[in-house]
């Protein structure tokens, strides 16, 4: 595992990472991420990026979901 935090946009397709934190201090946005299962220590897999970069499709906890670019950018990750 690499020792430095990265963003979702730094991953390649099908690459995995673990959520270690959140950059966004907006409580509503953080609550949405947590409700979607994007909790600390959850493993995410980058599945697809739309041609203009928004939305981003990720796999987490056995299902796929689409995130807005600003939501994806708020995740702080560590490569697995």
N, C-alpha and C. Protein backbone atom coordinates (compact mmCIF):
# COMPACT_ATOMS: atom_id res chain seq x y z
N UNK A 1 0.85 -1.17 0.00
CA UNK A 1 0.00 0.00 0.00
C UNK A 1 0.89 1.23 0.00
N UNK A 2 0.54 2.22 -0.79
CA UNK A 2 1.29 3.47 -0.82
C UNK A 2 1.03 4.25 0.46
N UNK A 3 2.01 5.09 0.83
CA UNK A 3 1.90 5.82 2.07
C UNK A 3 1.33 7.21 1.96
N UNK A 4 0.93 7.65 0.79
CA UNK A 4 0.42 9.02 0.68
C UNK A 4 -1.02 9.02 0.17
N UNK A 5 -1.82 9.97 0.67
CA UNK A 5 -3.23 10.04 0.25
C UNK A 5 -3.36 10.49 -1.20
N UNK A 6 -4.40 10.00 -1.84
CA UNK A 6 -4.68 10.35 -3.24
C UNK A 6 -6.16 10.70 -3.38
N UNK A 7 -6.53 11.12 -4.57
CA UNK A 7 -7.92 11.40 -4.92
C UNK A 7 -8.42 10.31 -5.86
N UNK A 8 -9.71 10.20 -6.01
CA UNK A 8 -10.31 9.22 -6.90
C UNK A 8 -9.82 9.41 -8.33
N UNK A 9 -9.64 10.66 -8.74
CA UNK A 9 -9.19 10.95 -10.11
C UNK A 9 -7.77 10.44 -10.38
N UNK A 10 -7.02 10.08 -9.33
CA UNK A 10 -5.66 9.56 -9.49
C UNK A 10 -5.64 8.06 -9.76
N UNK A 11 -6.77 7.39 -9.63
CA UNK A 11 -6.85 5.95 -9.87
C UNK A 11 -7.06 5.65 -11.35
N UNK A 12 -6.62 4.47 -11.75
CA UNK A 12 -6.93 3.95 -13.08
C UNK A 12 -8.20 3.12 -12.98
N UNK A 13 -8.85 2.89 -14.11
CA UNK A 13 -10.06 2.07 -14.14
C UNK A 13 -9.76 0.69 -13.55
N UNK A 14 -10.65 0.21 -12.69
CA UNK A 14 -10.59 -1.06 -11.97
C UNK A 14 -9.54 -1.09 -10.85
N UNK A 15 -8.91 0.04 -10.57
CA UNK A 15 -7.97 0.11 -9.45
C UNK A 15 -8.74 0.35 -8.16
N UNK A 16 -8.24 -0.25 -7.07
CA UNK A 16 -8.91 -0.16 -5.78
C UNK A 16 -8.18 0.78 -4.84
N UNK A 17 -8.95 1.37 -3.93
CA UNK A 17 -8.38 2.21 -2.88
C UNK A 17 -9.29 2.15 -1.67
N UNK A 18 -8.75 2.55 -0.53
CA UNK A 18 -9.49 2.56 0.72
C UNK A 18 -9.75 4.01 1.13
N UNK A 19 -10.95 4.30 1.58
CA UNK A 19 -11.29 5.65 2.03
C UNK A 19 -10.64 5.90 3.39
N UNK A 20 -9.89 7.00 3.48
CA UNK A 20 -9.24 7.35 4.74
C UNK A 20 -9.75 8.68 5.30
N UNK A 21 -10.52 9.42 4.51
CA UNK A 21 -11.05 10.69 5.01
C UNK A 21 -11.85 11.41 3.95
N UNK A 22 -12.24 12.63 4.32
CA UNK A 22 -13.09 13.46 3.45
C UNK A 22 -12.55 14.89 3.47
N UNK A 23 -12.53 15.50 2.31
CA UNK A 23 -12.04 16.86 2.21
C UNK A 23 -13.14 17.89 2.42
N UNK A 24 -14.36 17.52 2.13
CA UNK A 24 -15.48 18.45 2.20
C UNK A 24 -15.96 18.59 3.65
N UNK A 25 -16.09 19.81 4.12
CA UNK A 25 -16.57 20.05 5.48
C UNK A 25 -18.08 20.28 5.55
N UNK A 26 -18.76 20.18 4.43
CA UNK A 26 -20.21 20.37 4.38
C UNK A 26 -20.89 19.14 4.98
N UNK A 27 -21.61 19.33 6.08
CA UNK A 27 -22.24 18.21 6.78
C UNK A 27 -23.25 17.48 5.92
N UNK A 28 -24.00 18.19 5.11
CA UNK A 28 -25.01 17.56 4.25
C UNK A 28 -24.33 16.67 3.21
N UNK A 29 -23.26 17.17 2.59
CA UNK A 29 -22.53 16.39 1.59
C UNK A 29 -21.89 15.16 2.23
N UNK A 30 -21.31 15.33 3.41
CA UNK A 30 -20.69 14.21 4.11
C UNK A 30 -21.75 13.17 4.48
N UNK A 31 -22.89 13.61 4.95
CA UNK A 31 -23.97 12.68 5.30
C UNK A 31 -24.40 11.87 4.07
N UNK A 32 -24.48 12.52 2.92
CA UNK A 32 -24.85 11.82 1.68
C UNK A 32 -23.83 10.73 1.35
N UNK A 33 -22.53 11.05 1.44
CA UNK A 33 -21.49 10.06 1.15
C UNK A 33 -21.59 8.88 2.12
N UNK A 34 -21.77 9.16 3.38
CA UNK A 34 -21.87 8.10 4.38
C UNK A 34 -23.11 7.24 4.15
N UNK A 35 -24.22 7.86 3.79
CA UNK A 35 -25.46 7.14 3.50
C UNK A 35 -25.30 6.21 2.30
N UNK A 36 -24.49 6.62 1.34
CA UNK A 36 -24.24 5.79 0.15
C UNK A 36 -23.27 4.64 0.43
N UNK A 37 -22.73 4.56 1.64
CA UNK A 37 -21.81 3.49 1.99
C UNK A 37 -20.35 3.86 1.84
N UNK A 38 -20.07 5.12 1.57
CA UNK A 38 -18.69 5.58 1.39
C UNK A 38 -18.11 6.01 2.74
N UNK A 39 -17.99 5.04 3.64
CA UNK A 39 -17.50 5.29 4.99
C UNK A 39 -16.00 5.04 5.06
N UNK A 40 -15.37 5.55 6.12
CA UNK A 40 -13.93 5.32 6.30
C UNK A 40 -13.64 3.83 6.29
N UNK A 41 -12.53 3.47 5.67
CA UNK A 41 -12.04 2.10 5.52
C UNK A 41 -12.80 1.28 4.48
N UNK A 42 -13.83 1.83 3.86
CA UNK A 42 -14.52 1.12 2.77
C UNK A 42 -13.60 1.09 1.55
N UNK A 43 -13.65 -0.01 0.82
CA UNK A 43 -12.88 -0.14 -0.41
C UNK A 43 -13.72 0.33 -1.58
N UNK A 44 -13.14 1.18 -2.41
CA UNK A 44 -13.82 1.65 -3.62
C UNK A 44 -13.01 1.22 -4.84
N UNK A 45 -13.71 0.97 -5.92
CA UNK A 45 -13.09 0.60 -7.20
C UNK A 45 -13.58 1.61 -8.23
N UNK A 46 -12.65 2.24 -8.93
CA UNK A 46 -13.03 3.15 -10.00
C UNK A 46 -13.51 2.32 -11.18
N UNK A 47 -14.76 2.51 -11.59
CA UNK A 47 -15.35 1.72 -12.67
C UNK A 47 -15.37 2.46 -14.00
N UNK A 48 -15.73 3.74 -13.98
CA UNK A 48 -15.91 4.47 -15.24
C UNK A 48 -15.93 5.97 -14.95
N UNK A 49 -15.40 6.74 -15.91
CA UNK A 49 -15.45 8.20 -15.84
C UNK A 49 -16.14 8.69 -17.10
N UNK A 50 -17.15 9.52 -16.95
CA UNK A 50 -17.87 10.08 -18.10
C UNK A 50 -16.90 10.91 -18.94
N UNK A 51 -17.18 11.05 -20.24
CA UNK A 51 -16.27 11.77 -21.14
C UNK A 51 -15.86 13.17 -20.65
N UNK A 52 -16.76 13.89 -20.01
CA UNK A 52 -16.41 15.22 -19.52
C UNK A 52 -16.02 15.20 -18.03
N UNK A 53 -15.85 13.99 -17.48
CA UNK A 53 -15.39 13.85 -16.10
C UNK A 53 -16.48 13.87 -15.04
N UNK A 54 -17.73 13.96 -15.45
CA UNK A 54 -18.83 14.04 -14.49
C UNK A 54 -20.04 13.34 -15.07
N UNK A 55 -20.58 12.29 -14.48
CA UNK A 55 -20.26 11.72 -13.19
C UNK A 55 -19.14 10.67 -13.27
N UNK A 56 -18.83 10.13 -12.09
CA UNK A 56 -17.82 9.08 -11.94
C UNK A 56 -18.54 7.86 -11.37
N UNK A 57 -18.31 6.70 -11.96
CA UNK A 57 -18.94 5.47 -11.49
C UNK A 57 -17.92 4.70 -10.65
N UNK A 58 -18.33 4.34 -9.43
CA UNK A 58 -17.47 3.58 -8.53
C UNK A 58 -18.20 2.35 -8.02
N UNK A 59 -17.44 1.36 -7.63
CA UNK A 59 -17.97 0.20 -6.97
C UNK A 59 -17.62 0.28 -5.49
N UNK A 60 -18.60 0.01 -4.63
CA UNK A 60 -18.38 0.02 -3.18
C UNK A 60 -19.37 -0.95 -2.54
N UNK A 61 -18.87 -1.79 -1.65
CA UNK A 61 -19.72 -2.73 -0.89
C UNK A 61 -20.60 -3.60 -1.78
N UNK A 62 -20.08 -3.99 -2.94
CA UNK A 62 -20.80 -4.91 -3.81
C UNK A 62 -21.78 -4.28 -4.78
N UNK A 63 -21.85 -2.97 -4.84
CA UNK A 63 -22.74 -2.34 -5.81
C UNK A 63 -22.03 -1.16 -6.46
N UNK A 64 -22.55 -0.72 -7.60
CA UNK A 64 -22.00 0.42 -8.32
C UNK A 64 -22.87 1.64 -8.08
N UNK A 65 -22.23 2.79 -7.99
CA UNK A 65 -22.97 4.04 -7.87
C UNK A 65 -22.26 5.14 -8.63
N UNK A 66 -23.02 6.15 -9.00
CA UNK A 66 -22.47 7.30 -9.70
C UNK A 66 -22.35 8.46 -8.73
N UNK A 67 -21.20 9.11 -8.77
CA UNK A 67 -20.94 10.27 -7.93
C UNK A 67 -20.75 11.50 -8.79
N UNK A 68 -21.23 12.62 -8.30
CA UNK A 68 -20.92 13.88 -8.95
C UNK A 68 -19.42 14.13 -8.78
N UNK A 69 -18.85 14.91 -9.69
CA UNK A 69 -17.42 15.18 -9.64
C UNK A 69 -17.02 15.77 -8.29
N UNK A 70 -17.79 16.71 -7.77
CA UNK A 70 -17.43 17.33 -6.49
C UNK A 70 -17.50 16.34 -5.33
N UNK A 71 -18.41 15.36 -5.41
CA UNK A 71 -18.46 14.31 -4.38
C UNK A 71 -17.24 13.42 -4.48
N UNK A 72 -16.91 13.01 -5.69
CA UNK A 72 -15.74 12.15 -5.91
C UNK A 72 -14.46 12.86 -5.46
N UNK A 73 -14.36 14.14 -5.74
CA UNK A 73 -13.16 14.91 -5.38
C UNK A 73 -13.01 15.08 -3.88
N UNK A 74 -14.09 14.91 -3.13
CA UNK A 74 -14.00 15.10 -1.68
C UNK A 74 -13.47 13.87 -0.94
N UNK A 75 -13.36 12.73 -1.63
CA UNK A 75 -12.85 11.51 -0.99
C UNK A 75 -11.33 11.54 -0.93
N UNK A 76 -10.78 11.21 0.23
CA UNK A 76 -9.34 11.06 0.40
C UNK A 76 -9.08 9.56 0.53
N UNK A 77 -8.22 9.03 -0.33
CA UNK A 77 -8.02 7.59 -0.46
C UNK A 77 -6.56 7.19 -0.27
N UNK A 78 -6.36 5.90 -0.02
CA UNK A 78 -5.04 5.27 -0.05
C UNK A 78 -5.14 4.07 -0.97
N UNK A 79 -4.18 3.94 -1.89
CA UNK A 79 -4.19 2.78 -2.79
C UNK A 79 -4.00 1.50 -1.99
N UNK A 80 -4.61 0.45 -2.51
CA UNK A 80 -4.49 -0.87 -1.88
C UNK A 80 -3.45 -1.66 -2.65
